[in-house]
Amino acid sequence: MQHQKTPGVLDVRGETKLLPDFLRLLPQETGFDDHLQGDEHRNTLHSKKGQDILEGKGETDVYIIEDRPMGTEVSINNHDQPETGEPGQDILLLPFLLDDLEIRQEKKHVILSHLDSPTEHVTIRLMNFMEEESYRHLSIMDKEGRMHTVRLNSSNEPDLIVDQLIPDMTVSDGHHILSQLRQTNAGFSEVEQVFNIPGDKILQTLQAKMIPVISS
């Protein structure tokens, strides 16, 4: 399943249908192997089953990955190269703990897997992460609600900056992300199922990481 190329536009048997401005399509998976694509705005992509490919595109995107007992791989293509400024920092909601996370490089990709039981949990492929900066704007929240940023270390290896959400994130940017997460689903029901923690804790974690905007 692929999201429509133009938000608010449907192609039904070759006939274009334009949705009113107050309606917006959200990419949803089928339960099989899906390719979920967002648009150039903020998107929330939720992978529940199958070997999905998630592609958020522009601005700040949120990737919700549910665990699978069969060692399924989910791929994330978060390439974003805006004409001006830096790409928005994307957020991956990881369905296990930081202490259980193994990070390794596989050619130009980065693989996130469960350290002790990789075949019993979902594996996440960060596509082209090693290739260029336009793929490296990603933070991770684990099941405890802790936030970490994926970066290259001094040895040019993929690594985590522990307990860092987004470098120099402003209150304005943070509130956009909070609003996006609140709109993901009513009462954070799906997020709470993935993490087994209250949705309020997720919001509190994000709010604690914000810094004020300093105007000149």
C-alpha atoms as a PDB file:
ATOM      1  CA  MET A   1       0.000   0.000   0.000  1.00  0.00           C
ATOM      2  CA  GLN A   2       1.338   3.413  -0.943  1.00  0.00           C
ATOM      3  CA  HIS A   3       0.199   6.796   0.249  1.00  0.00           C
ATOM      4  CA  GLN A   4      -1.087   9.116  -2.442  1.00  0.00           C
ATOM      5  CA  LYS A   5       1.623  11.347  -3.958  1.00  0.00           C
ATOM      6  CA  THR A   6      -0.449  14.497  -3.408  1.00  0.00           C
ATOM      7  CA  PRO A   7      -2.112  14.982   0.020  1.00  0.00           C
ATOM      8  CA  GLY A   8      -5.896  15.233  -0.273  1.00  0.00           C
ATOM      9  CA  VAL A   9      -5.990  13.776  -3.791  1.00  0.00           C
ATOM     10  CA  LEU A  10      -7.310  10.300  -4.595  1.00  0.00           C
ATOM     11  CA  ASP A  11      -6.887   8.403  -7.835  1.00  0.00           C
ATOM     12  CA  VAL A  12      -9.923   6.132  -8.208  1.00  0.00           C
ATOM     13  CA  ARG A  13      -9.780   3.989 -11.340  1.00  0.00           C
ATOM     14  CA  GLY A  14      -7.948   6.719 -13.188  1.00  0.00           C
ATOM     15  CA  GLU A  15     -10.289   9.492 -12.045  1.00  0.00           C
ATOM     16  CA  THR A  16      -8.900  12.199  -9.743  1.00  0.00           C
ATOM     17  CA  LYS A  17     -10.904  12.973  -6.609  1.00  0.00           C
ATOM     18  CA  LEU A  18     -10.054  16.085  -4.577  1.00  0.00           C
ATOM     19  CA  LEU A  19     -10.788  15.975  -0.838  1.00  0.00           C
ATOM     20  CA  PRO A  20     -11.849  19.126   1.055  1.00  0.00           C
ATOM     21  CA  ASP A  21      -9.127  20.996   2.967  1.00  0.00           C
ATOM     22  CA  PHE A  22     -10.316  19.788   6.386  1.00  0.00           C
ATOM     23  CA  LEU A  23      -9.729  16.129   5.435  1.00  0.00           C
ATOM     24  CA  ARG A  24      -6.319  14.514   5.187  1.00  0.00           C
ATOM     25  CA  LEU A  25      -5.336  10.959   4.277  1.00  0.00           C
ATOM     26  CA  LEU A  26      -3.151   9.009   6.702  1.00  0.00           C
ATOM     27  CA  PRO A  27      -1.064   6.049   5.517  1.00  0.00           C
ATOM     28  CA  GLN A  28      -2.246   2.806   7.132  1.00  0.00           C
ATOM     29  CA  GLU A  29      -0.764  -0.645   6.766  1.00  0.00           C
ATOM     30  CA  THR A  30      -2.656  -3.705   5.537  1.00  0.00           C
ATOM     31  CA  GLY A  31      -1.053  -6.297   7.808  1.00  0.00           C
ATOM     32  CA  PHE A  32       1.118  -7.538   4.934  1.00  0.00           C
ATOM     33  CA  ASP A  33       4.434  -6.134   3.635  1.00  0.00           C
ATOM     34  CA  ASP A  34       3.602  -2.464   3.084  1.00  0.00           C
ATOM     35  CA  HIS A  35       5.413   0.624   1.850  1.00  0.00           C
ATOM     36  CA  LEU A  36       3.991   3.513   3.852  1.00  0.00           C
ATOM     37  CA  GLN A  37       4.895   6.931   2.489  1.00  0.00           C
ATOM     38  CA  GLY A  38       4.240  10.276   4.089  1.00  0.00           C
ATOM     39  CA  ASP A  39       4.399  13.658   2.410  1.00  0.00           C
ATOM     40  CA  GLU A  40       6.515  16.786   2.870  1.00  0.00           C
ATOM     41  CA  HIS A  41       4.684  17.639   6.103  1.00  0.00           C
ATOM     42  CA  ARG A  42       4.724  16.006   9.555  1.00  0.00           C
ATOM     43  CA  ASN A  43       3.668  12.345   9.419  1.00  0.00           C
ATOM     44  CA  THR A  44       3.065   9.527  11.895  1.00  0.00           C
ATOM     45  CA  LEU A  45       3.738   6.107  10.362  1.00  0.00           C
ATOM     46  CA  HIS A  46       2.704   3.021  12.358  1.00  0.00           C
ATOM     47  CA  SER A  47       4.079  -0.436  11.532  1.00  0.00           C
ATOM     48  CA  LYS A  48       2.223  -3.296  13.215  1.00  0.00           C
ATOM     49  CA  LYS A  49       2.900  -6.397  11.102  1.00  0.00           C
ATOM     50  CA  GLY A  50       4.844  -7.486   8.065  1.00  0.00           C
ATOM     51  CA  GLN A  51       8.188  -6.393   6.646  1.00  0.00           C
ATOM     52  CA  ASP A  52       7.199  -2.788   6.129  1.00  0.00           C
ATOM     53  CA  ILE A  53       9.105   0.123   4.602  1.00  0.00           C
ATOM     54  CA  LEU A  54       8.367   3.488   6.237  1.00  0.00           C
ATOM     55  CA  GLU A  55       9.235   6.705   4.409  1.00  0.00           C
ATOM     56  CA  GLY A  56       8.418   9.927   6.225  1.00  0.00           C
ATOM     57  CA  LYS A  57       9.946  12.529   3.852  1.00  0.00           C
ATOM     58  CA  GLY A  58       9.831  16.209   4.924  1.00  0.00           C
ATOM     59  CA  GLU A  59       9.638  17.835   8.369  1.00  0.00           C
ATOM     60  CA  THR A  60       9.502  15.890  11.667  1.00  0.00           C
ATOM     61  CA  ASP A  61       8.078  12.382  11.346  1.00  0.00           C
ATOM     62  CA  VAL A  62       7.190   9.853  14.051  1.00  0.00           C
ATOM     63  CA  TYR A  63       7.733   6.129  13.420  1.00  0.00           C
ATOM     64  CA  ILE A  64       5.841   3.740  15.724  1.00  0.00           C
ATOM     65  CA  ILE A  65       7.203   0.178  15.471  1.00  0.00           C
ATOM     66  CA  GLU A  66       5.339  -2.651  17.173  1.00  0.00           C
ATOM     67  CA  ASP A  67       7.300  -5.744  18.161  1.00  0.00           C
ATOM     68  CA  ARG A  68       6.989  -9.008  16.255  1.00  0.00           C
ATOM     69  CA  PRO A  69       7.761 -12.449  17.694  1.00  0.00           C
ATOM     70  CA  MET A  70       9.196 -13.788  14.411  1.00  0.00           C
ATOM     71  CA  GLY A  71      12.192 -11.481  13.921  1.00  0.00           C
ATOM     72  CA  THR A  72      10.604  -9.441  11.117  1.00  0.00           C
ATOM     73  CA  GLU A  73      12.597  -6.537   9.646  1.00  0.00           C
ATOM     74  CA  VAL A  74      11.125  -3.050   9.239  1.00  0.00           C
ATOM     75  CA  SER A  75      13.015  -0.513   7.100  1.00  0.00           C
ATOM     76  CA  ILE A  76      12.978   3.258   7.624  1.00  0.00           C
ATOM     77  CA  ASN A  77      13.915   5.665   4.850  1.00  0.00           C
ATOM     78  CA  ASN A  78      13.962   9.063   6.534  1.00  0.00           C
ATOM     79  CA  HIS A  79      15.795  10.958   3.786  1.00  0.00           C
ATOM     80  CA  ASP A  80      15.054  14.659   4.000  1.00  0.00           C
ATOM     81  CA  GLN A  81      17.057  17.355   2.247  1.00  0.00           C
ATOM     82  CA  PRO A  82      15.149  20.645   2.443  1.00  0.00           C
ATOM     83  CA  GLU A  83      16.095  23.515   0.151  1.00  0.00           C
ATOM     84  CA  THR A  84      16.853  25.696   3.176  1.00  0.00           C
ATOM     85  CA  GLY A  85      17.775  24.883   6.764  1.00  0.00           C
ATOM     86  CA  GLU A  86      18.271  21.536   8.474  1.00  0.00           C
ATOM     87  CA  PRO A  87      15.923  18.547   8.138  1.00  0.00           C
ATOM     88  CA  GLY A  88      13.400  17.993  10.919  1.00  0.00           C
ATOM     89  CA  GLN A  89      14.449  15.512  13.599  1.00  0.00           C
ATOM     90  CA  ASP A  90      12.451  12.292  13.240  1.00  0.00           C
ATOM     91  CA  ILE A  91      11.483  10.134  16.229  1.00  0.00           C
ATOM     92  CA  LEU A  92      11.459   6.321  16.324  1.00  0.00           C
ATOM     93  CA  LEU A  93       9.439   4.612  19.064  1.00  0.00           C
ATOM     94  CA  LEU A  94      11.395   1.444  19.843  1.00  0.00           C
ATOM     95  CA  PRO A  95       9.454  -1.510  21.343  1.00  0.00           C
ATOM     96  CA  PHE A  96      12.220  -2.626  23.738  1.00  0.00           C
ATOM     97  CA  LEU A  97      14.753  -1.104  26.137  1.00  0.00           C
ATOM     98  CA  LEU A  98      17.980   0.722  25.389  1.00  0.00           C
ATOM     99  CA  ASP A  99      19.883  -1.870  27.424  1.00  0.00           C
ATOM    100  CA  ASP A 100      18.610  -4.549  25.039  1.00  0.00           C
ATOM    101  CA  LEU A 101      19.541  -2.647  21.876  1.00  0.00           C
ATOM    102  CA  GLU A 102      22.380  -3.650  19.554  1.00  0.00           C
ATOM    103  CA  ILE A 103      23.505  -1.218  16.838  1.00  0.00           C
ATOM    104  CA  ARG A 104      25.613  -2.401  13.927  1.00  0.00           C
ATOM    105  CA  GLN A 105      26.570  -1.236  10.467  1.00  0.00           C
ATOM    106  CA  GLU A 106      25.653  -3.260   7.398  1.00  0.00           C
ATOM    107  CA  LYS A 107      27.325  -1.566   4.414  1.00  0.00           C
ATOM    108  CA  LYS A 108      25.548   1.805   4.034  1.00  0.00           C
ATOM    109  CA  HIS A 109      22.691   0.860   6.390  1.00  0.00           C
ATOM    110  CA  VAL A 110      22.433   0.719  10.197  1.00  0.00           C
ATOM    111  CA  ILE A 111      20.685  -2.199  11.903  1.00  0.00           C
ATOM    112  CA  LEU A 112      18.888  -1.911  15.243  1.00  0.00           C
ATOM    113  CA  SER A 113      18.150  -5.287  16.831  1.00  0.00           C
ATOM    114  CA  HIS A 114      17.548  -6.954  20.183  1.00  0.00           C
ATOM    115  CA  LEU A 115      20.892  -7.800  21.770  1.00  0.00           C
ATOM    116  CA  ASP A 116      20.056 -11.165  23.352  1.00  0.00           C
ATOM    117  CA  SER A 117      17.097 -12.417  21.299  1.00  0.00           C
ATOM    118  CA  PRO A 118      17.254 -10.874  17.803  1.00  0.00           C
ATOM    119  CA  THR A 119      15.144 -13.614  16.201  1.00  0.00           C
ATOM    120  CA  GLU A 120      12.341 -13.116  18.734  1.00  0.00           C
ATOM    121  CA  HIS A 121      11.941  -9.376  18.176  1.00  0.00           C
ATOM    122  CA  VAL A 122      11.566  -6.927  15.327  1.00  0.00           C
ATOM    123  CA  THR A 123      14.731  -5.713  13.583  1.00  0.00           C
ATOM    124  CA  ILE A 124      14.869  -2.155  12.254  1.00  0.00           C
ATOM    125  CA  ARG A 125      16.961  -1.108   9.260  1.00  0.00           C
ATOM    126  CA  LEU A 126      17.883   2.577   8.990  1.00  0.00           C
ATOM    127  CA  MET A 127      18.326   2.814   5.247  1.00  0.00           C
ATOM    128  CA  ASN A 128      21.394   4.671   3.906  1.00  0.00           C
ATOM    129  CA  PHE A 129      22.211   6.062   7.362  1.00  0.00           C
ATOM    130  CA  MET A 130      25.968   5.856   6.676  1.00  0.00           C
ATOM    131  CA  GLU A 131      25.652   7.497   3.275  1.00  0.00           C
ATOM    132  CA  GLU A 132      25.042  11.158   4.146  1.00  0.00           C
ATOM    133  CA  GLU A 133      23.686  13.591   6.745  1.00  0.00           C
ATOM    134  CA  SER A 134      20.252  13.777   5.125  1.00  0.00           C
ATOM    135  CA  TYR A 135      19.553  10.290   6.583  1.00  0.00           C
ATOM    136  CA  ARG A 136      20.917  10.981  10.089  1.00  0.00           C
ATOM    137  CA  HIS A 137      18.252  13.104  11.754  1.00  0.00           C
ATOM    138  CA  LEU A 138      16.739  10.465  14.046  1.00  0.00           C
ATOM    139  CA  SER A 139      16.066  10.162  17.765  1.00  0.00           C
ATOM    140  CA  ILE A 140      14.837   7.048  19.576  1.00  0.00           C
ATOM    141  CA  MET A 141      12.463   6.632  22.505  1.00  0.00           C
ATOM    142  CA  ASP A 142      12.672   3.249  24.255  1.00  0.00           C
ATOM    143  CA  LYS A 143      10.067   1.439  26.374  1.00  0.00           C
ATOM    144  CA  GLU A 144      11.083   3.339  29.508  1.00  0.00           C
ATOM    145  CA  GLY A 145      10.351   6.620  27.778  1.00  0.00           C
ATOM    146  CA  ARG A 146      14.052   7.558  27.577  1.00  0.00           C
ATOM    147  CA  MET A 147      15.176   9.537  24.539  1.00  0.00           C
ATOM    148  CA  HIS A 148      18.399   9.023  22.594  1.00  0.00           C
ATOM    149  CA  THR A 149      19.854  10.482  19.406  1.00  0.00           C
ATOM    150  CA  VAL A 150      21.508   8.299  16.746  1.00  0.00           C
ATOM    151  CA  ARG A 151      24.814   9.770  15.551  1.00  0.00           C
ATOM    152  CA  LEU A 152      28.223   8.737  14.225  1.00  0.00           C
ATOM    153  CA  ASN A 153      30.894   8.616  16.942  1.00  0.00           C
ATOM    154  CA  SER A 154      34.530   9.732  16.682  1.00  0.00           C
ATOM    155  CA  SER A 155      35.381   6.431  14.966  1.00  0.00           C
ATOM    156  CA  ASN A 156      32.702   7.085  12.333  1.00  0.00           C
ATOM    157  CA  GLU A 157      30.565   4.258  13.730  1.00  0.00           C
ATOM    158  CA  PRO A 158      26.817   4.434  14.409  1.00  0.00           C
ATOM    159  CA  ASP A 159      26.173   5.109  18.073  1.00  0.00           C
ATOM    160  CA  LEU A 160      23.707   6.660  20.528  1.00  0.00           C
ATOM    161  CA  ILE A 161      23.929   9.899  22.438  1.00  0.00           C
ATOM    162  CA  VAL A 162      22.138   8.644  25.540  1.00  0.00           C
ATOM    163  CA  ASP A 163      19.337  10.696  27.094  1.00  0.00           C
ATOM    164  CA  GLN A 164      19.391  13.284  24.347  1.00  0.00           C
ATOM    165  CA  LEU A 165      16.234  13.856  22.357  1.00  0.00           C
ATOM    166  CA  ILE A 166      17.054  16.476  19.780  1.00  0.00           C
ATOM    167  CA  PRO A 167      20.153  18.687  19.891  1.00  0.00           C
ATOM    168  CA  ASP A 168      19.128  22.303  20.606  1.00  0.00           C
ATOM    169  CA  MET A 169      15.420  21.563  20.255  1.00  0.00           C
ATOM    170  CA  THR A 170      13.392  24.713  20.855  1.00  0.00           C
ATOM    171  CA  VAL A 171      10.142  24.931  22.760  1.00  0.00           C
ATOM    172  CA  SER A 172       8.395  25.768  19.492  1.00  0.00           C
ATOM    173  CA  ASP A 173       9.726  22.624  17.784  1.00  0.00           C
ATOM    174  CA  GLY A 174       8.905  20.563  20.854  1.00  0.00           C
ATOM    175  CA  HIS A 175       5.301  21.678  20.969  1.00  0.00           C
ATOM    176  CA  HIS A 176       4.895  20.730  17.304  1.00  0.00           C
ATOM    177  CA  ILE A 177       6.074  17.206  18.172  1.00  0.00           C
ATOM    178  CA  LEU A 178       3.831  17.037  21.247  1.00  0.00           C
ATOM    179  CA  SER A 179       0.852  18.058  19.141  1.00  0.00           C
ATOM    180  CA  GLN A 180       1.757  15.472  16.523  1.00  0.00           C
ATOM    181  CA  LEU A 181       1.967  12.690  19.106  1.00  0.00           C
ATOM    182  CA  ARG A 182      -1.306  13.752  20.730  1.00  0.00           C
ATOM    183  CA  GLN A 183      -3.038  13.493  17.351  1.00  0.00           C
ATOM    184  CA  THR A 184      -1.581  10.060  16.635  1.00  0.00           C
ATOM    185  CA  ASN A 185      -4.530   8.385  18.335  1.00  0.00           C
ATOM    186  CA  ALA A 186      -7.055   9.072  21.048  1.00  0.00           C
ATOM    187  CA  GLY A 187      -5.463   8.847  24.476  1.00  0.00           C
ATOM    188  CA  PHE A 188      -2.219   7.381  23.107  1.00  0.00           C
ATOM    189  CA  SER A 189      -3.896   3.965  23.092  1.00  0.00           C
ATOM    190  CA  GLU A 190      -1.636   2.489  20.410  1.00  0.00           C
ATOM    191  CA  VAL A 191       1.532   4.068  21.782  1.00  0.00           C
ATOM    192  CA  GLU A 192       0.699   2.817  25.269  1.00  0.00           C
ATOM    193  CA  GLN A 193       0.266  -0.711  23.912  1.00  0.00           C
ATOM    194  CA  VAL A 194       3.656  -0.604  22.188  1.00  0.00           C
ATOM    195  CA  PHE A 195       5.526   0.765  25.207  1.00  0.00           C
ATOM    196  CA  ASN A 196       3.341  -0.437  28.080  1.00  0.00           C
ATOM    197  CA  ILE A 197       3.782   3.002  29.679  1.00  0.00           C
ATOM    198  CA  PRO A 198       1.253   5.834  30.061  1.00  0.00           C
ATOM    199  CA  GLY A 199       1.030   8.302  27.202  1.00  0.00           C
ATOM    200  CA  ASP A 200       1.402  11.142  29.708  1.00  0.00           C
ATOM    201  CA  LYS A 201       4.924   9.938  30.503  1.00  0.00           C
ATOM    202  CA  ILE A 202       5.871  10.256  26.840  1.00  0.00           C
ATOM    203  CA  LEU A 203       4.657  13.842  26.800  1.00  0.00           C
ATOM    204  CA  GLN A 204       6.461  14.619  30.065  1.00  0.00           C
ATOM    205  CA  THR A 205       9.696  13.193  28.649  1.00  0.00           C
ATOM    206  CA  LEU A 206       9.458  15.395  25.583  1.00  0.00           C
ATOM    207  CA  GLN A 207       8.581  18.487  27.593  1.00  0.00           C
ATOM    208  CA  ALA A 208      11.553  17.954  29.913  1.00  0.00           C
ATOM    209  CA  LYS A 209      13.932  17.952  26.927  1.00  0.00           C
ATOM    210  CA  MET A 210      12.835  21.284  25.486  1.00  0.00           C
ATOM    211  CA  ILE A 211      14.983  24.388  25.707  1.00  0.00           C
ATOM    212  CA  PRO A 212      13.668  27.943  25.398  1.00  0.00           C
ATOM    213  CA  VAL A 213      14.093  29.940  22.210  1.00  0.00           C
ATOM    214  CA  ILE A 214      16.688  32.671  22.673  1.00  0.00           C
ATOM    215  CA  SER A 215      15.867  35.673  20.532  1.00  0.00           C
ATOM    216  CA  SER A 216      18.495  38.197  19.513  1.00  0.00           C
END
